[in-house]
């Protein structure tokens, strides 16, 4: 967000062609909130053993899957470096773990 035109991280603005964004500020803001702050909230909930922690973990996984799906739709798929497949796998794992945790939590309280 601090270098929305690629001043800090050398990303060409041409990579945003076909997207609704002219700079990286809004995508960076979305990324910071959904995949920066939200995981911190999920961790804080988990550390406190809050009942919403499993849903928060699953929500972070779903947010990552949505982000990657939109990125692939707009920018295209790339496995060099293999970050997109890695993040898709991580999003699926977080979602599955969060949902499994929720199911285990709800069955143990019955």
C-alpha atoms as a PDB file:
ATOM      1  CA  UNK A   1       0.000   0.000   0.000  1.00  0.00           C
ATOM      2  CA  UNK A   2       2.954   2.295   0.648  1.00  0.00           C
ATOM      3  CA  UNK A   3       4.199   1.862  -2.920  1.00  0.00           C
ATOM      4  CA  UNK A   4       0.968   1.454  -4.899  1.00  0.00           C
ATOM      5  CA  UNK A   5       2.684   1.927  -8.253  1.00  0.00           C
ATOM      6  CA  UNK A   6       5.355  -0.695  -7.616  1.00  0.00           C
ATOM      7  CA  UNK A   7       7.876   1.652  -6.020  1.00  0.00           C
ATOM      8  CA  UNK A   8       8.795  -0.732  -3.170  1.00  0.00           C
ATOM      9  CA  UNK A   9       8.042  -4.153  -4.606  1.00  0.00           C
ATOM     10  CA  UNK A  10       8.837  -4.013  -8.314  1.00  0.00           C
ATOM     11  CA  UNK A  11       5.483  -5.144  -9.676  1.00  0.00           C
ATOM     12  CA  UNK A  12       4.503  -3.745 -13.052  1.00  0.00           C
ATOM     13  CA  UNK A  13       1.189  -1.920 -13.245  1.00  0.00           C
ATOM     14  CA  UNK A  14       0.595  -3.834 -16.480  1.00  0.00           C
ATOM     15  CA  UNK A  15      -0.150  -6.887 -14.293  1.00  0.00           C
ATOM     16  CA  UNK A  16      -3.346  -5.098 -13.246  1.00  0.00           C
ATOM     17  CA  UNK A  17      -4.589  -4.915 -16.843  1.00  0.00           C
ATOM     18  CA  UNK A  18      -8.100  -6.326 -16.999  1.00  0.00           C
ATOM     19  CA  UNK A  19      -8.719  -5.645 -13.337  1.00  0.00           C
ATOM     20  CA  UNK A  20     -10.756  -2.792 -11.871  1.00  0.00           C
ATOM     21  CA  UNK A  21      -7.600  -1.384 -10.238  1.00  0.00           C
ATOM     22  CA  UNK A  22      -5.175   1.197 -11.570  1.00  0.00           C
ATOM     23  CA  UNK A  23      -2.659   0.807  -8.721  1.00  0.00           C
ATOM     24  CA  UNK A  24      -1.896  -1.773  -6.069  1.00  0.00           C
ATOM     25  CA  UNK A  25      -3.354   0.299  -3.216  1.00  0.00           C
ATOM     26  CA  UNK A  26      -6.855  -1.233  -3.070  1.00  0.00           C
ATOM     27  CA  UNK A  27      -5.677  -4.825  -3.655  1.00  0.00           C
ATOM     28  CA  UNK A  28      -3.026  -4.226  -0.988  1.00  0.00           C
ATOM     29  CA  UNK A  29      -5.623  -2.881   1.431  1.00  0.00           C
ATOM     30  CA  UNK A  30      -7.878  -5.887   0.851  1.00  0.00           C
ATOM     31  CA  UNK A  31      -4.939  -8.241   1.229  1.00  0.00           C
ATOM     32  CA  UNK A  32      -3.801  -6.500   4.424  1.00  0.00           C
ATOM     33  CA  UNK A  33      -7.242  -6.700   6.035  1.00  0.00           C
ATOM     34  CA  UNK A  34      -8.420 -10.109   4.830  1.00  0.00           C
ATOM     35  CA  UNK A  35      -5.125 -11.958   4.954  1.00  0.00           C
ATOM     36  CA  UNK A  36      -3.105  -9.831   7.359  1.00  0.00           C
ATOM     37  CA  UNK A  37      -5.392  -8.694  10.149  1.00  0.00           C
ATOM     38  CA  UNK A  38      -7.994 -11.481   9.959  1.00  0.00           C
ATOM     39  CA  UNK A  39      -5.456 -14.263  10.655  1.00  0.00           C
ATOM     40  CA  UNK A  40      -4.215 -12.288  13.662  1.00  0.00           C
ATOM     41  CA  UNK A  41      -7.787 -12.109  14.967  1.00  0.00           C
ATOM     42  CA  UNK A  42      -8.208 -15.848  14.358  1.00  0.00           C
ATOM     43  CA  UNK A  43      -4.999 -16.588  16.275  1.00  0.00           C
ATOM     44  CA  UNK A  44      -6.062 -14.332  19.151  1.00  0.00           C
ATOM     45  CA  UNK A  45      -9.423 -16.128  19.324  1.00  0.00           C
ATOM     46  CA  UNK A  46      -7.711 -19.523  19.227  1.00  0.00           C
ATOM     47  CA  UNK A  47      -5.284 -18.570  22.000  1.00  0.00           C
ATOM     48  CA  UNK A  48      -8.244 -17.566  24.160  1.00  0.00           C
ATOM     49  CA  UNK A  49     -10.091 -20.768  23.186  1.00  0.00           C
ATOM     50  CA  UNK A  50     -13.005 -18.634  22.077  1.00  0.00           C
ATOM     51  CA  UNK A  51     -15.940 -20.560  20.571  1.00  0.00           C
ATOM     52  CA  UNK A  52     -15.677 -18.525  17.349  1.00  0.00           C
ATOM     53  CA  UNK A  53     -12.042 -19.518  16.764  1.00  0.00           C
ATOM     54  CA  UNK A  54     -12.847 -22.502  14.477  1.00  0.00           C
ATOM     55  CA  UNK A  55     -15.126 -20.337  12.316  1.00  0.00           C
ATOM     56  CA  UNK A  56     -12.488 -17.602  12.205  1.00  0.00           C
ATOM     57  CA  UNK A  57      -9.876 -20.113  11.033  1.00  0.00           C
ATOM     58  CA  UNK A  58     -12.228 -21.442   8.352  1.00  0.00           C
ATOM     59  CA  UNK A  59     -13.098 -17.888   7.279  1.00  0.00           C
ATOM     60  CA  UNK A  60      -9.413 -17.056   6.811  1.00  0.00           C
ATOM     61  CA  UNK A  61      -9.040 -20.189   4.674  1.00  0.00           C
ATOM     62  CA  UNK A  62     -12.054 -19.260   2.561  1.00  0.00           C
ATOM     63  CA  UNK A  63     -10.760 -15.676   2.202  1.00  0.00           C
ATOM     64  CA  UNK A  64      -7.438 -17.035   0.943  1.00  0.00           C
ATOM     65  CA  UNK A  65      -9.178 -19.326  -1.546  1.00  0.00           C
ATOM     66  CA  UNK A  66     -11.324 -16.444  -2.811  1.00  0.00           C
ATOM     67  CA  UNK A  67      -8.284 -14.161  -3.094  1.00  0.00           C
ATOM     68  CA  UNK A  68      -6.365 -16.769  -5.072  1.00  0.00           C
ATOM     69  CA  UNK A  69      -9.353 -17.517  -7.313  1.00  0.00           C
ATOM     70  CA  UNK A  70      -9.802 -13.844  -8.144  1.00  0.00           C
ATOM     71  CA  UNK A  71      -6.053 -13.390  -8.657  1.00  0.00           C
ATOM     72  CA  UNK A  72      -5.892 -16.342 -11.039  1.00  0.00           C
ATOM     73  CA  UNK A  73      -8.979 -15.114 -12.913  1.00  0.00           C
ATOM     74  CA  UNK A  74      -7.536 -11.609 -13.353  1.00  0.00           C
ATOM     75  CA  UNK A  75      -3.771 -12.096 -13.566  1.00  0.00           C
ATOM     76  CA  UNK A  76      -3.591 -15.721 -14.637  1.00  0.00           C
ATOM     77  CA  UNK A  77      -2.146 -18.888 -13.161  1.00  0.00           C
ATOM     78  CA  UNK A  78       1.553 -19.196 -12.546  1.00  0.00           C
ATOM     79  CA  UNK A  79       3.467 -21.931 -10.778  1.00  0.00           C
ATOM     80  CA  UNK A  80       6.831 -20.211 -11.092  1.00  0.00           C
ATOM     81  CA  UNK A  81       7.524 -19.548  -8.289  1.00  0.00           C
ATOM     82  CA  UNK A  82       4.942 -22.003  -6.943  1.00  0.00           C
ATOM     83  CA  UNK A  83       3.195 -19.497  -4.678  1.00  0.00           C
ATOM     84  CA  UNK A  84      -0.295 -19.798  -6.149  1.00  0.00           C
ATOM     85  CA  UNK A  85      -0.487 -23.596  -5.715  1.00  0.00           C
ATOM     86  CA  UNK A  86       1.016 -23.274  -2.234  1.00  0.00           C
ATOM     87  CA  UNK A  87      -1.519 -20.634  -1.159  1.00  0.00           C
ATOM     88  CA  UNK A  88      -4.406 -22.606  -2.670  1.00  0.00           C
ATOM     89  CA  UNK A  89      -3.296 -25.629  -0.657  1.00  0.00           C
ATOM     90  CA  UNK A  90      -2.904 -23.514   2.484  1.00  0.00           C
ATOM     91  CA  UNK A  91      -6.389 -21.997   2.012  1.00  0.00           C
ATOM     92  CA  UNK A  92      -7.929 -25.445   1.568  1.00  0.00           C
ATOM     93  CA  UNK A  93      -6.085 -26.763   4.633  1.00  0.00           C
ATOM     94  CA  UNK A  94      -7.137 -23.822   6.818  1.00  0.00           C
ATOM     95  CA  UNK A  95     -10.742 -24.194   5.703  1.00  0.00           C
ATOM     96  CA  UNK A  96     -10.762 -27.940   6.342  1.00  0.00           C
ATOM     97  CA  UNK A  97      -9.044 -27.596   9.718  1.00  0.00           C
ATOM     98  CA  UNK A  98     -11.397 -24.835  10.833  1.00  0.00           C
ATOM     99  CA  UNK A  99     -14.483 -26.784   9.814  1.00  0.00           C
ATOM    100  CA  UNK A 100     -13.157 -29.995  11.361  1.00  0.00           C
ATOM    101  CA  UNK A 101     -12.321 -28.132  14.559  1.00  0.00           C
ATOM    102  CA  UNK A 102     -15.822 -26.668  14.627  1.00  0.00           C
ATOM    103  CA  UNK A 103     -17.404 -30.084  14.116  1.00  0.00           C
ATOM    104  CA  UNK A 104     -15.258 -31.594  16.880  1.00  0.00           C
ATOM    105  CA  UNK A 105     -16.048 -28.692  19.200  1.00  0.00           C
ATOM    106  CA  UNK A 106     -19.783 -28.896  18.632  1.00  0.00           C
ATOM    107  CA  UNK A 107     -19.906 -32.672  19.077  1.00  0.00           C
ATOM    108  CA  UNK A 108     -17.913 -32.524  22.327  1.00  0.00           C
ATOM    109  CA  UNK A 109     -20.306 -29.959  23.838  1.00  0.00           C
ATOM    110  CA  UNK A 110     -23.397 -32.077  23.207  1.00  0.00           C
END
